[in-house]
Amino acid sequence: MAHPLLHSLQRQAWALAGAAAALLLLGLALYSPDRQKGLTEFEAIGPMRHIETAAITALRIEAGQRQWNLERRASGWQMDMAGAPVDAATRDALEMGLRLLHNSPPERSFGTESSDFGLTPPTLRIHLRSADGTRFEADFGGANATGLARYVRIRAQGRSALHLMSDYVVEPWEQVVRSLQQ
């Protein structure tokens, strides 16, 4: 039979080992390199990262033979010629589309264009202008083989680039077009 003092020391040793393990896990959770990355400032990495979304003042959307011009005024987004404000759902889709182009990185980039990209002509084209005159254009083409991403031609800052971007980046713009067609 074990001595009661030995049994008490074993329980205390196990408790101490458990507390040390808990402190180690807590320290790793709070001070790990991955945790530290999460504490750094957010940095936009989308193709429109050089333009703040709130600075966009004019927008032209082309889909097929249709074209819509919108302006951001103090009262919100409005149709350029009529001056009629866009509805809340269209406004929200516009803002989401701008944020996604600003923040979402391309999945892949290409050096040359292929006819498989569906960019001649594009299915949807957007032209943006900011308050300081900076311009940005995006041509959305066809879907890739998996149907989860779209080919996009970006023209900005005097350069042109071809990318494959997640379908969710295009969806708000398609929603805007559906709303404007009604």
C-alpha atoms as a PDB file:
ATOM      1  CA  MET A   1       0.000   0.000   0.000  1.00  0.00           C
ATOM      2  CA  ALA A   2       1.302   3.433  -0.990  1.00  0.00           C
ATOM      3  CA  HIS A   3       2.156   5.923   1.642  1.00  0.00           C
ATOM      4  CA  PRO A   4      -0.416   8.787   1.949  1.00  0.00           C
ATOM      5  CA  LEU A   5       2.327  11.415   1.632  1.00  0.00           C
ATOM      6  CA  LEU A   6       3.568   9.867  -1.632  1.00  0.00           C
ATOM      7  CA  HIS A   7       0.019   9.741  -3.003  1.00  0.00           C
ATOM      8  CA  SER A   8      -0.471  13.451  -2.128  1.00  0.00           C
ATOM      9  CA  LEU A   9       2.827  14.401  -3.834  1.00  0.00           C
ATOM     10  CA  GLN A  10       1.807  12.507  -6.991  1.00  0.00           C
ATOM     11  CA  ARG A  11      -1.530  14.369  -7.147  1.00  0.00           C
ATOM     12  CA  GLN A  12       0.250  17.695  -6.691  1.00  0.00           C
ATOM     13  CA  ALA A  13       2.794  16.803  -9.397  1.00  0.00           C
ATOM     14  CA  TRP A  14       0.026  15.935 -11.860  1.00  0.00           C
ATOM     15  CA  ALA A  15      -1.827  19.148 -11.029  1.00  0.00           C
ATOM     16  CA  LEU A  16       1.363  21.152 -11.514  1.00  0.00           C
ATOM     17  CA  ALA A  17       2.068  19.396 -14.848  1.00  0.00           C
ATOM     18  CA  GLY A  18      -1.515  20.103 -16.006  1.00  0.00           C
ATOM     19  CA  ALA A  19      -1.218  23.780 -15.065  1.00  0.00           C
ATOM     20  CA  ALA A  20       2.141  24.056 -16.874  1.00  0.00           C
ATOM     21  CA  ALA A  21       0.628  22.447 -20.005  1.00  0.00           C
ATOM     22  CA  ALA A  22      -2.348  24.841 -19.880  1.00  0.00           C
ATOM     23  CA  LEU A  23      -0.024  27.846 -19.578  1.00  0.00           C
ATOM     24  CA  LEU A  24       2.079  26.589 -22.486  1.00  0.00           C
ATOM     25  CA  LEU A  25      -1.015  26.219 -24.695  1.00  0.00           C
ATOM     26  CA  LEU A  26      -2.267  29.653 -23.681  1.00  0.00           C
ATOM     27  CA  GLY A  27       1.122  31.181 -24.476  1.00  0.00           C
ATOM     28  CA  LEU A  28       1.195  29.512 -27.894  1.00  0.00           C
ATOM     29  CA  ALA A  29      -2.346  30.664 -28.640  1.00  0.00           C
ATOM     30  CA  LEU A  30      -1.644  34.278 -27.730  1.00  0.00           C
ATOM     31  CA  TYR A  31       1.889  34.711 -29.039  1.00  0.00           C
ATOM     32  CA  SER A  32       2.221  32.346 -31.997  1.00  0.00           C
ATOM     33  CA  PRO A  33       3.455  33.793 -35.308  1.00  0.00           C
ATOM     34  CA  ASP A  34       0.062  33.106 -36.911  1.00  0.00           C
ATOM     35  CA  ARG A  35      -1.700  35.007 -34.137  1.00  0.00           C
ATOM     36  CA  GLN A  36       0.652  37.947 -34.566  1.00  0.00           C
ATOM     37  CA  LYS A  37      -0.163  38.100 -38.300  1.00  0.00           C
ATOM     38  CA  GLY A  38      -3.822  38.500 -37.403  1.00  0.00           C
ATOM     39  CA  LEU A  39      -2.999  41.545 -35.302  1.00  0.00           C
ATOM     40  CA  THR A  40      -1.376  43.490 -38.144  1.00  0.00           C
ATOM     41  CA  GLU A  41      -3.212  46.112 -40.134  1.00  0.00           C
ATOM     42  CA  PHE A  42      -5.388  44.900 -43.034  1.00  0.00           C
ATOM     43  CA  GLU A  43      -3.886  45.425 -46.469  1.00  0.00           C
ATOM     44  CA  ALA A  44      -6.037  45.277 -49.600  1.00  0.00           C
ATOM     45  CA  ILE A  45      -4.623  42.975 -52.287  1.00  0.00           C
ATOM     46  CA  GLY A  46      -7.289  43.143 -54.984  1.00  0.00           C
ATOM     47  CA  PRO A  47      -6.767  44.545 -58.488  1.00  0.00           C
ATOM     48  CA  MET A  48      -8.382  47.842 -57.422  1.00  0.00           C
ATOM     49  CA  ARG A  49      -6.267  48.175 -54.248  1.00  0.00           C
ATOM     50  CA  HIS A  50      -4.801  51.500 -55.405  1.00  0.00           C
ATOM     51  CA  ILE A  51      -8.229  53.225 -55.255  1.00  0.00           C
ATOM     52  CA  GLU A  52     -10.261  53.600 -52.078  1.00  0.00           C
ATOM     53  CA  THR A  53     -13.823  52.483 -52.727  1.00  0.00           C
ATOM     54  CA  ALA A  54     -15.267  55.642 -51.147  1.00  0.00           C
ATOM     55  CA  ALA A  55     -13.298  57.725 -53.675  1.00  0.00           C
ATOM     56  CA  ILE A  56     -15.178  56.255 -56.656  1.00  0.00           C
ATOM     57  CA  THR A  57     -17.389  59.025 -58.064  1.00  0.00           C
ATOM     58  CA  ALA A  58     -18.466  57.724 -61.465  1.00  0.00           C
ATOM     59  CA  LEU A  59     -19.264  54.300 -62.800  1.00  0.00           C
ATOM     60  CA  ARG A  60     -20.266  52.995 -66.228  1.00  0.00           C
ATOM     61  CA  ILE A  61     -21.561  49.445 -66.555  1.00  0.00           C
ATOM     62  CA  GLU A  62     -21.913  47.745 -69.930  1.00  0.00           C
ATOM     63  CA  ALA A  63     -23.664  44.428 -70.480  1.00  0.00           C
ATOM     64  CA  GLY A  64     -24.328  43.392 -74.059  1.00  0.00           C
ATOM     65  CA  GLN A  65     -25.824  46.388 -75.877  1.00  0.00           C
ATOM     66  CA  ARG A  66     -26.974  48.045 -72.648  1.00  0.00           C
ATOM     67  CA  GLN A  67     -25.067  50.727 -70.760  1.00  0.00           C
ATOM     68  CA  TRP A  68     -25.719  52.522 -67.460  1.00  0.00           C
ATOM     69  CA  ASN A  69     -23.923  55.565 -66.072  1.00  0.00           C
ATOM     70  CA  LEU A  70     -24.011  56.172 -62.341  1.00  0.00           C
ATOM     71  CA  GLU A  71     -22.606  58.928 -60.157  1.00  0.00           C
ATOM     72  CA  ARG A  72     -21.931  58.979 -56.454  1.00  0.00           C
ATOM     73  CA  ARG A  73     -23.318  62.160 -55.002  1.00  0.00           C
ATOM     74  CA  ALA A  74     -23.689  63.322 -51.413  1.00  0.00           C
ATOM     75  CA  SER A  75     -27.105  61.632 -51.328  1.00  0.00           C
ATOM     76  CA  GLY A  76     -25.726  58.336 -52.697  1.00  0.00           C
ATOM     77  CA  TRP A  77     -25.541  56.531 -56.058  1.00  0.00           C
ATOM     78  CA  GLN A  78     -27.755  58.002 -58.781  1.00  0.00           C
ATOM     79  CA  MET A  79     -28.382  57.413 -62.443  1.00  0.00           C
ATOM     80  CA  ASP A  80     -26.274  59.989 -64.291  1.00  0.00           C
ATOM     81  CA  MET A  81     -28.787  61.446 -66.708  1.00  0.00           C
ATOM     82  CA  ALA A  82     -32.059  61.032 -64.819  1.00  0.00           C
ATOM     83  CA  GLY A  83     -30.633  61.824 -61.406  1.00  0.00           C
ATOM     84  CA  ALA A  84     -32.822  59.105 -59.935  1.00  0.00           C
ATOM     85  CA  PRO A  85     -31.314  57.374 -56.911  1.00  0.00           C
ATOM     86  CA  VAL A  86     -30.671  53.639 -57.146  1.00  0.00           C
ATOM     87  CA  ASP A  87     -32.581  51.409 -54.750  1.00  0.00           C
ATOM     88  CA  ALA A  88     -30.999  50.012 -51.580  1.00  0.00           C
ATOM     89  CA  ALA A  89     -30.370  46.538 -53.011  1.00  0.00           C
ATOM     90  CA  THR A  90     -28.580  47.973 -56.058  1.00  0.00           C
ATOM     91  CA  ARG A  91     -26.563  50.350 -53.855  1.00  0.00           C
ATOM     92  CA  ASP A  92     -25.518  47.489 -51.565  1.00  0.00           C
ATOM     93  CA  ALA A  93     -24.510  45.327 -54.546  1.00  0.00           C
ATOM     94  CA  LEU A  94     -22.463  48.232 -55.996  1.00  0.00           C
ATOM     95  CA  GLU A  95     -20.628  48.766 -52.730  1.00  0.00           C
ATOM     96  CA  MET A  96     -19.995  45.020 -52.342  1.00  0.00           C
ATOM     97  CA  GLY A  97     -18.664  44.814 -55.914  1.00  0.00           C
ATOM     98  CA  LEU A  98     -16.289  47.705 -55.257  1.00  0.00           C
ATOM     99  CA  ARG A  99     -15.056  46.200 -51.967  1.00  0.00           C
ATOM    100  CA  LEU A 100     -14.437  42.814 -53.578  1.00  0.00           C
ATOM    101  CA  LEU A 101     -12.424  44.342 -56.443  1.00  0.00           C
ATOM    102  CA  HIS A 102     -10.456  46.315 -53.859  1.00  0.00           C
ATOM    103  CA  ASN A 103      -9.796  43.463 -51.423  1.00  0.00           C
ATOM    104  CA  SER A 104      -9.967  40.098 -53.252  1.00  0.00           C
ATOM    105  CA  PRO A 105      -6.796  38.861 -54.937  1.00  0.00           C
ATOM    106  CA  PRO A 106      -6.806  37.076 -58.285  1.00  0.00           C
ATOM    107  CA  GLU A 107      -6.542  33.299 -58.136  1.00  0.00           C
ATOM    108  CA  ARG A 108      -4.175  33.267 -61.083  1.00  0.00           C
ATOM    109  CA  SER A 109      -2.657  35.665 -63.616  1.00  0.00           C
ATOM    110  CA  PHE A 110      -1.937  35.104 -67.305  1.00  0.00           C
ATOM    111  CA  GLY A 111       0.604  36.576 -69.687  1.00  0.00           C
ATOM    112  CA  THR A 112      -1.418  36.109 -72.865  1.00  0.00           C
ATOM    113  CA  GLU A 113      -5.093  36.011 -73.646  1.00  0.00           C
ATOM    114  CA  SER A 114      -6.890  32.982 -75.031  1.00  0.00           C
ATOM    115  CA  SER A 115     -10.189  32.854 -76.911  1.00  0.00           C
ATOM    116  CA  ASP A 116     -11.340  30.490 -74.117  1.00  0.00           C
ATOM    117  CA  PHE A 117     -11.401  33.451 -71.717  1.00  0.00           C
ATOM    118  CA  GLY A 118     -14.605  34.837 -73.259  1.00  0.00           C
ATOM    119  CA  LEU A 119     -13.315  38.404 -73.224  1.00  0.00           C
ATOM    120  CA  THR A 120     -13.975  39.210 -76.892  1.00  0.00           C
ATOM    121  CA  PRO A 121     -16.432  40.722 -76.272  1.00  0.00           C
ATOM    122  CA  PRO A 122     -16.691  40.615 -72.476  1.00  0.00           C
ATOM    123  CA  THR A 123     -20.001  39.636 -70.904  1.00  0.00           C
ATOM    124  CA  LEU A 124     -19.791  42.557 -68.495  1.00  0.00           C
ATOM    125  CA  ARG A 125     -17.586  45.648 -68.432  1.00  0.00           C
ATOM    126  CA  ILE A 126     -17.201  48.266 -65.729  1.00  0.00           C
ATOM    127  CA  HIS A 127     -15.406  51.620 -65.923  1.00  0.00           C
ATOM    128  CA  LEU A 128     -14.691  53.466 -62.682  1.00  0.00           C
ATOM    129  CA  ARG A 129     -13.379  56.953 -62.039  1.00  0.00           C
ATOM    130  CA  SER A 130     -12.293  58.338 -58.691  1.00  0.00           C
ATOM    131  CA  ALA A 131     -12.464  61.910 -57.426  1.00  0.00           C
ATOM    132  CA  ASP A 132      -8.804  62.500 -58.366  1.00  0.00           C
ATOM    133  CA  GLY A 133      -9.381  61.249 -61.936  1.00  0.00           C
ATOM    134  CA  THR A 134      -7.882  57.769 -61.472  1.00  0.00           C
ATOM    135  CA  ARG A 135      -9.481  55.288 -63.848  1.00  0.00           C
ATOM    136  CA  PHE A 136     -10.026  51.558 -63.518  1.00  0.00           C
ATOM    137  CA  GLU A 137     -11.645  49.151 -65.982  1.00  0.00           C
ATOM    138  CA  ALA A 138     -12.605  45.517 -65.596  1.00  0.00           C
ATOM    139  CA  ASP A 139     -13.877  43.221 -68.358  1.00  0.00           C
ATOM    140  CA  PHE A 140     -15.514  40.061 -67.059  1.00  0.00           C
ATOM    141  CA  GLY A 141     -15.437  37.090 -69.403  1.00  0.00           C
ATOM    142  CA  GLY A 142     -16.325  33.442 -69.267  1.00  0.00           C
ATOM    143  CA  ALA A 143     -16.089  30.926 -66.466  1.00  0.00           C
ATOM    144  CA  ASN A 144     -13.152  28.578 -66.082  1.00  0.00           C
ATOM    145  CA  ALA A 145     -13.536  24.808 -66.532  1.00  0.00           C
ATOM    146  CA  THR A 146     -14.741  24.277 -62.944  1.00  0.00           C
ATOM    147  CA  GLY A 147     -17.246  27.129 -63.160  1.00  0.00           C
ATOM    148  CA  LEU A 148     -15.995  28.614 -59.894  1.00  0.00           C
ATOM    149  CA  ALA A 149     -13.956  31.514 -61.301  1.00  0.00           C
ATOM    150  CA  ARG A 150     -14.142  34.014 -64.143  1.00  0.00           C
ATOM    151  CA  TYR A 151     -11.562  35.426 -66.508  1.00  0.00           C
ATOM    152  CA  VAL A 152     -11.072  39.155 -65.995  1.00  0.00           C
ATOM    153  CA  ARG A 153      -9.087  41.757 -67.928  1.00  0.00           C
ATOM    154  CA  ILE A 154      -8.046  44.690 -65.741  1.00  0.00           C
ATOM    155  CA  ARG A 155      -6.868  48.026 -67.110  1.00  0.00           C
ATOM    156  CA  ALA A 156      -5.495  50.456 -64.553  1.00  0.00           C
ATOM    157  CA  GLN A 157      -2.553  52.783 -64.083  1.00  0.00           C
ATOM    158  CA  GLY A 158      -1.554  52.444 -67.741  1.00  0.00           C
ATOM    159  CA  ARG A 159      -1.279  48.639 -67.566  1.00  0.00           C
ATOM    160  CA  SER A 160      -3.426  45.734 -68.622  1.00  0.00           C
ATOM    161  CA  ALA A 161      -3.528  42.371 -66.855  1.00  0.00           C
ATOM    162  CA  LEU A 162      -5.404  39.096 -67.272  1.00  0.00           C
ATOM    163  CA  HIS A 163      -6.596  37.247 -64.193  1.00  0.00           C
ATOM    164  CA  LEU A 164      -8.769  34.427 -63.026  1.00  0.00           C
ATOM    165  CA  MET A 165     -10.924  35.692 -60.154  1.00  0.00           C
ATOM    166  CA  SER A 166     -13.398  33.928 -57.895  1.00  0.00           C
ATOM    167  CA  ASP A 167     -16.963  33.978 -59.138  1.00  0.00           C
ATOM    168  CA  TYR A 168     -18.090  35.792 -55.987  1.00  0.00           C
ATOM    169  CA  VAL A 169     -16.243  38.911 -57.214  1.00  0.00           C
ATOM    170  CA  VAL A 170     -18.447  39.057 -60.334  1.00  0.00           C
ATOM    171  CA  GLU A 171     -21.768  38.160 -58.686  1.00  0.00           C
ATOM    172  CA  PRO A 172     -22.512  41.613 -57.173  1.00  0.00           C
ATOM    173  CA  TRP A 173     -21.952  43.241 -60.574  1.00  0.00           C
ATOM    174  CA  GLU A 174     -24.343  40.787 -62.223  1.00  0.00           C
ATOM    175  CA  GLN A 175     -26.869  41.597 -59.499  1.00  0.00           C
ATOM    176  CA  VAL A 176     -26.460  45.315 -60.265  1.00  0.00           C
ATOM    177  CA  VAL A 177     -27.111  44.666 -63.966  1.00  0.00           C
ATOM    178  CA  ARG A 178     -30.240  42.618 -63.178  1.00  0.00           C
ATOM    179  CA  SER A 179     -31.510  45.447 -60.954  1.00  0.00           C
ATOM    180  CA  LEU A 180     -30.810  48.130 -63.552  1.00  0.00           C
ATOM    181  CA  GLN A 181     -32.522  46.160 -66.318  1.00  0.00           C
ATOM    182  CA  GLN A 182     -35.820  46.206 -64.450  1.00  0.00           C
END
